[in-house]
Amino acid sequence: MLKDTSTEQCNMKVTLANIFFFLLFDFPEAIIHGLCELQALSWQEAEEVFLRGPTYHPSEVEEFDRVIAKRMRKEATFAYQKQDDSDR
């Protein structure tokens, strides 16, 4: 007979050390393992892909730069208006 685990309490404590360990070691290893399986890479090749990070098309980089520049202009205008209001 199967045991009902829905009412049992989990004894594992979630601490910052556990989270740090997961993010630093387990999570990257899981991503590398996924790259190995999904893209048929060796472990070394998958690690290199992981360490290189994502690749972006130049048009994506340009769009990102435009969005950031627009936000910075908007924030600068808002800060200037706020300073103008406080001077009055």
N, C-alpha and C. Protein backbone atom coordinates (compact mmCIF):
# COMPACT_ATOMS: atom_id res chain seq x y z
N MET A 1 0.84 -1.18 0.00
CA MET A 1 0.00 0.00 0.00
C MET A 1 0.89 1.25 0.00
N LEU A 2 0.48 2.25 -0.77
CA LEU A 2 1.25 3.48 -0.84
C LEU A 2 1.02 4.33 0.39
N LYS A 3 2.07 4.97 0.81
CA LYS A 3 2.02 5.81 1.99
C LYS A 3 1.55 7.22 1.59
N ASP A 4 0.63 7.78 2.36
CA ASP A 4 0.16 9.14 2.09
C ASP A 4 1.15 10.12 2.70
N THR A 5 1.87 10.83 1.85
CA THR A 5 2.88 11.77 2.33
C THR A 5 2.36 13.20 2.37
N SER A 6 1.11 13.41 1.99
CA SER A 6 0.61 14.78 1.93
C SER A 6 0.46 15.39 3.31
N THR A 7 0.29 14.56 4.34
CA THR A 7 0.11 15.12 5.68
C THR A 7 1.39 15.13 6.49
N GLU A 8 2.45 14.47 5.97
CA GLU A 8 3.71 14.45 6.69
C GLU A 8 4.44 15.77 6.50
N GLN A 9 5.16 16.17 7.53
CA GLN A 9 5.91 17.42 7.44
C GLN A 9 7.29 17.15 6.85
N CYS A 10 7.76 18.12 6.10
CA CYS A 10 9.10 18.04 5.53
C CYS A 10 10.08 18.53 6.58
N ASN A 11 11.10 17.73 6.87
CA ASN A 11 12.07 18.08 7.90
C ASN A 11 13.23 18.92 7.39
N MET A 12 13.31 19.13 6.08
CA MET A 12 14.43 19.88 5.54
C MET A 12 14.25 21.38 5.83
N LYS A 13 15.25 21.96 6.44
CA LYS A 13 15.21 23.39 6.72
C LYS A 13 15.78 24.15 5.52
N VAL A 14 15.08 25.19 5.14
CA VAL A 14 15.57 26.03 4.06
C VAL A 14 16.37 27.15 4.70
N THR A 15 17.65 27.13 4.46
CA THR A 15 18.53 28.15 5.01
C THR A 15 19.22 28.87 3.86
N LEU A 16 19.82 29.97 4.17
CA LEU A 16 20.58 30.69 3.15
C LEU A 16 21.72 29.84 2.62
N ALA A 17 22.31 29.03 3.49
CA ALA A 17 23.41 28.16 3.05
C ALA A 17 22.90 27.14 2.03
N ASN A 18 21.70 26.59 2.26
CA ASN A 18 21.13 25.63 1.30
C ASN A 18 20.83 26.30 -0.03
N ILE A 19 20.28 27.50 0.03
CA ILE A 19 19.94 28.22 -1.19
C ILE A 19 21.22 28.58 -1.95
N PHE A 20 22.22 29.06 -1.22
CA PHE A 20 23.50 29.42 -1.83
C PHE A 20 24.12 28.21 -2.51
N PHE A 21 24.13 27.06 -1.82
CA PHE A 21 24.69 25.84 -2.39
C PHE A 21 23.96 25.46 -3.66
N PHE A 22 22.63 25.51 -3.61
CA PHE A 22 21.83 25.15 -4.78
C PHE A 22 22.15 26.05 -5.96
N LEU A 23 22.17 27.37 -5.73
CA LEU A 23 22.40 28.30 -6.82
C LEU A 23 23.83 28.24 -7.35
N LEU A 24 24.77 27.95 -6.48
CA LEU A 24 26.17 27.94 -6.88
C LEU A 24 26.60 26.64 -7.54
N PHE A 25 26.04 25.51 -7.10
CA PHE A 25 26.49 24.21 -7.59
C PHE A 25 25.43 23.40 -8.32
N ASP A 26 24.31 23.16 -7.67
CA ASP A 26 23.30 22.27 -8.25
C ASP A 26 22.63 22.85 -9.50
N PHE A 27 22.26 24.10 -9.45
CA PHE A 27 21.56 24.72 -10.57
C PHE A 27 22.41 24.75 -11.83
N PRO A 28 23.65 25.26 -11.77
CA PRO A 28 24.49 25.23 -12.99
C PRO A 28 24.73 23.80 -13.49
N GLU A 29 24.92 22.88 -12.56
CA GLU A 29 25.15 21.49 -12.98
C GLU A 29 23.93 20.93 -13.69
N ALA A 30 22.75 21.28 -13.23
CA ALA A 30 21.52 20.82 -13.88
C ALA A 30 21.41 21.41 -15.29
N ILE A 31 21.76 22.66 -15.44
CA ILE A 31 21.71 23.30 -16.76
C ILE A 31 22.72 22.63 -17.70
N ILE A 32 23.91 22.39 -17.20
CA ILE A 32 24.95 21.73 -18.02
C ILE A 32 24.49 20.32 -18.42
N HIS A 33 23.90 19.61 -17.49
CA HIS A 33 23.38 18.27 -17.80
C HIS A 33 22.30 18.36 -18.88
N GLY A 34 21.41 19.35 -18.76
CA GLY A 34 20.37 19.55 -19.77
C GLY A 34 20.95 19.84 -21.14
N LEU A 35 22.00 20.66 -21.17
CA LEU A 35 22.66 20.94 -22.45
C LEU A 35 23.25 19.67 -23.05
N CYS A 36 23.83 18.83 -22.21
CA CYS A 36 24.40 17.56 -22.69
C CYS A 36 23.32 16.71 -23.36
N GLU A 37 22.19 16.61 -22.68
CA GLU A 37 21.12 15.74 -23.18
C GLU A 37 20.41 16.33 -24.39
N LEU A 38 20.05 17.60 -24.32
CA LEU A 38 19.23 18.19 -25.37
C LEU A 38 20.01 18.54 -26.63
N GLN A 39 21.28 18.88 -26.48
CA GLN A 39 22.07 19.27 -27.65
C GLN A 39 23.14 18.25 -28.01
N ALA A 40 23.11 17.10 -27.34
CA ALA A 40 24.05 16.01 -27.60
C ALA A 40 25.50 16.49 -27.54
N LEU A 41 25.82 17.21 -26.45
CA LEU A 41 27.17 17.71 -26.25
C LEU A 41 27.88 16.87 -25.19
N SER A 42 29.20 16.88 -25.24
CA SER A 42 29.96 16.27 -24.16
C SER A 42 29.86 17.19 -22.95
N TRP A 43 30.25 16.68 -21.79
CA TRP A 43 30.19 17.50 -20.58
C TRP A 43 31.06 18.75 -20.73
N GLN A 44 32.25 18.59 -21.28
CA GLN A 44 33.17 19.72 -21.48
C GLN A 44 32.57 20.75 -22.42
N GLU A 45 31.99 20.31 -23.52
CA GLU A 45 31.37 21.24 -24.47
C GLU A 45 30.20 21.98 -23.83
N ALA A 46 29.40 21.24 -23.06
CA ALA A 46 28.24 21.85 -22.39
C ALA A 46 28.70 22.89 -21.36
N GLU A 47 29.77 22.61 -20.64
CA GLU A 47 30.32 23.58 -19.69
C GLU A 47 30.77 24.85 -20.41
N GLU A 48 31.42 24.69 -21.55
CA GLU A 48 31.87 25.85 -22.31
C GLU A 48 30.69 26.69 -22.80
N VAL A 49 29.65 26.02 -23.27
CA VAL A 49 28.44 26.73 -23.70
C VAL A 49 27.83 27.48 -22.52
N PHE A 50 27.75 26.83 -21.38
CA PHE A 50 27.19 27.45 -20.17
C PHE A 50 28.01 28.67 -19.75
N LEU A 51 29.32 28.54 -19.75
CA LEU A 51 30.19 29.64 -19.31
C LEU A 51 30.18 30.81 -20.29
N ARG A 52 30.02 30.54 -21.58
CA ARG A 52 29.93 31.61 -22.57
C ARG A 52 28.66 32.43 -22.39
N GLY A 53 27.61 31.78 -21.95
CA GLY A 53 26.34 32.47 -21.77
C GLY A 53 25.58 32.56 -23.08
N PRO A 54 24.44 33.23 -23.01
CA PRO A 54 23.62 33.32 -24.22
C PRO A 54 24.25 34.23 -25.27
N THR A 55 23.93 33.94 -26.52
CA THR A 55 24.39 34.80 -27.60
C THR A 55 23.20 35.63 -28.08
N TYR A 56 23.45 36.87 -28.38
CA TYR A 56 22.40 37.77 -28.81
C TYR A 56 22.69 38.27 -30.22
N HIS A 57 21.64 38.40 -30.99
CA HIS A 57 21.75 38.97 -32.32
C HIS A 57 21.99 40.47 -32.16
N PRO A 58 22.78 41.08 -33.04
CA PRO A 58 23.04 42.52 -32.92
C PRO A 58 21.77 43.37 -32.85
N SER A 59 20.71 42.95 -33.53
CA SER A 59 19.46 43.73 -33.47
C SER A 59 18.85 43.69 -32.07
N GLU A 60 19.03 42.56 -31.35
CA GLU A 60 18.54 42.48 -29.98
C GLU A 60 19.32 43.44 -29.07
N VAL A 61 20.61 43.53 -29.29
CA VAL A 61 21.45 44.43 -28.49
C VAL A 61 21.06 45.88 -28.76
N GLU A 62 20.84 46.22 -30.03
CA GLU A 62 20.43 47.58 -30.38
C GLU A 62 19.09 47.93 -29.75
N GLU A 63 18.14 47.01 -29.79
CA GLU A 63 16.82 47.24 -29.20
C GLU A 63 16.95 47.44 -27.69
N PHE A 64 17.75 46.63 -27.04
CA PHE A 64 17.97 46.77 -25.60
C PHE A 64 18.57 48.14 -25.29
N ASP A 65 19.56 48.55 -26.07
CA ASP A 65 20.19 49.87 -25.86
C ASP A 65 19.18 51.00 -26.03
N ARG A 66 18.30 50.87 -27.04
CA ARG A 66 17.27 51.90 -27.26
C ARG A 66 16.32 51.99 -26.07
N VAL A 67 15.89 50.85 -25.57
CA VAL A 67 14.96 50.82 -24.43
C VAL A 67 15.61 51.45 -23.20
N ILE A 68 16.86 51.09 -22.93
CA ILE A 68 17.56 51.64 -21.76
C ILE A 68 17.75 53.15 -21.92
N ALA A 69 18.15 53.60 -23.10
CA ALA A 69 18.34 55.04 -23.32
C ALA A 69 17.03 55.79 -23.13
N LYS A 70 15.93 55.23 -23.60
CA LYS A 70 14.61 55.86 -23.45
C LYS A 70 14.24 55.97 -21.98
N ARG A 71 14.47 54.90 -21.22
CA ARG A 71 14.17 54.93 -19.78
C ARG A 71 15.03 55.96 -19.05
N MET A 72 16.30 56.03 -19.42
CA MET A 72 17.19 56.98 -18.76
C MET A 72 16.76 58.43 -19.05
N ARG A 73 16.36 58.70 -20.31
CA ARG A 73 15.88 60.05 -20.64
C ARG A 73 14.62 60.37 -19.86
N LYS A 74 13.73 59.40 -19.75
CA LYS A 74 12.47 59.60 -19.02
C LYS A 74 12.75 59.88 -17.54
N GLU A 75 13.66 59.10 -16.94
CA GLU A 75 14.01 59.30 -15.53
C GLU A 75 14.71 60.64 -15.32
N ALA A 76 15.56 61.04 -16.25
CA ALA A 76 16.24 62.32 -16.14
C ALA A 76 15.24 63.47 -16.23
N THR A 77 14.27 63.36 -17.13
CA THR A 77 13.23 64.38 -17.25
C THR A 77 12.41 64.46 -15.98
N PHE A 78 12.05 63.30 -15.43
CA PHE A 78 11.28 63.26 -14.19
C PHE A 78 12.05 63.88 -13.04
N ALA A 79 13.34 63.57 -12.93
CA ALA A 79 14.17 64.12 -11.86
C ALA A 79 14.31 65.63 -12.01
N TYR A 80 14.44 66.11 -13.26
CA TYR A 80 14.55 67.54 -13.50
C TYR A 80 13.26 68.25 -13.11
N GLN A 81 12.10 67.66 -13.48
CA GLN A 81 10.81 68.24 -13.12
C GLN A 81 10.61 68.24 -11.61
N LYS A 82 11.03 67.19 -10.96
CA LYS A 82 10.89 67.10 -9.51
C LYS A 82 11.75 68.16 -8.83
N GLN A 83 12.96 68.38 -9.35
CA GLN A 83 13.84 69.40 -8.79
C GLN A 83 13.23 70.78 -9.03
N ASP A 84 12.65 71.01 -10.18
CA ASP A 84 11.99 72.27 -10.50
C ASP A 84 10.84 72.56 -9.54
N ASP A 85 10.07 71.54 -9.22
CA ASP A 85 8.94 71.69 -8.30
C ASP A 85 9.40 72.01 -6.89
N SER A 86 10.52 71.46 -6.48
CA SER A 86 11.02 71.71 -5.12
C SER A 86 11.63 73.09 -4.97
N ASP A 87 12.06 73.69 -6.09
CA ASP A 87 12.65 75.02 -6.06
C ASP A 87 11.60 76.11 -5.88
N ARG A 88 10.38 75.79 -6.19
CA ARG A 88 9.31 76.82 -6.13
C ARG A 88 8.79 77.03 -4.77
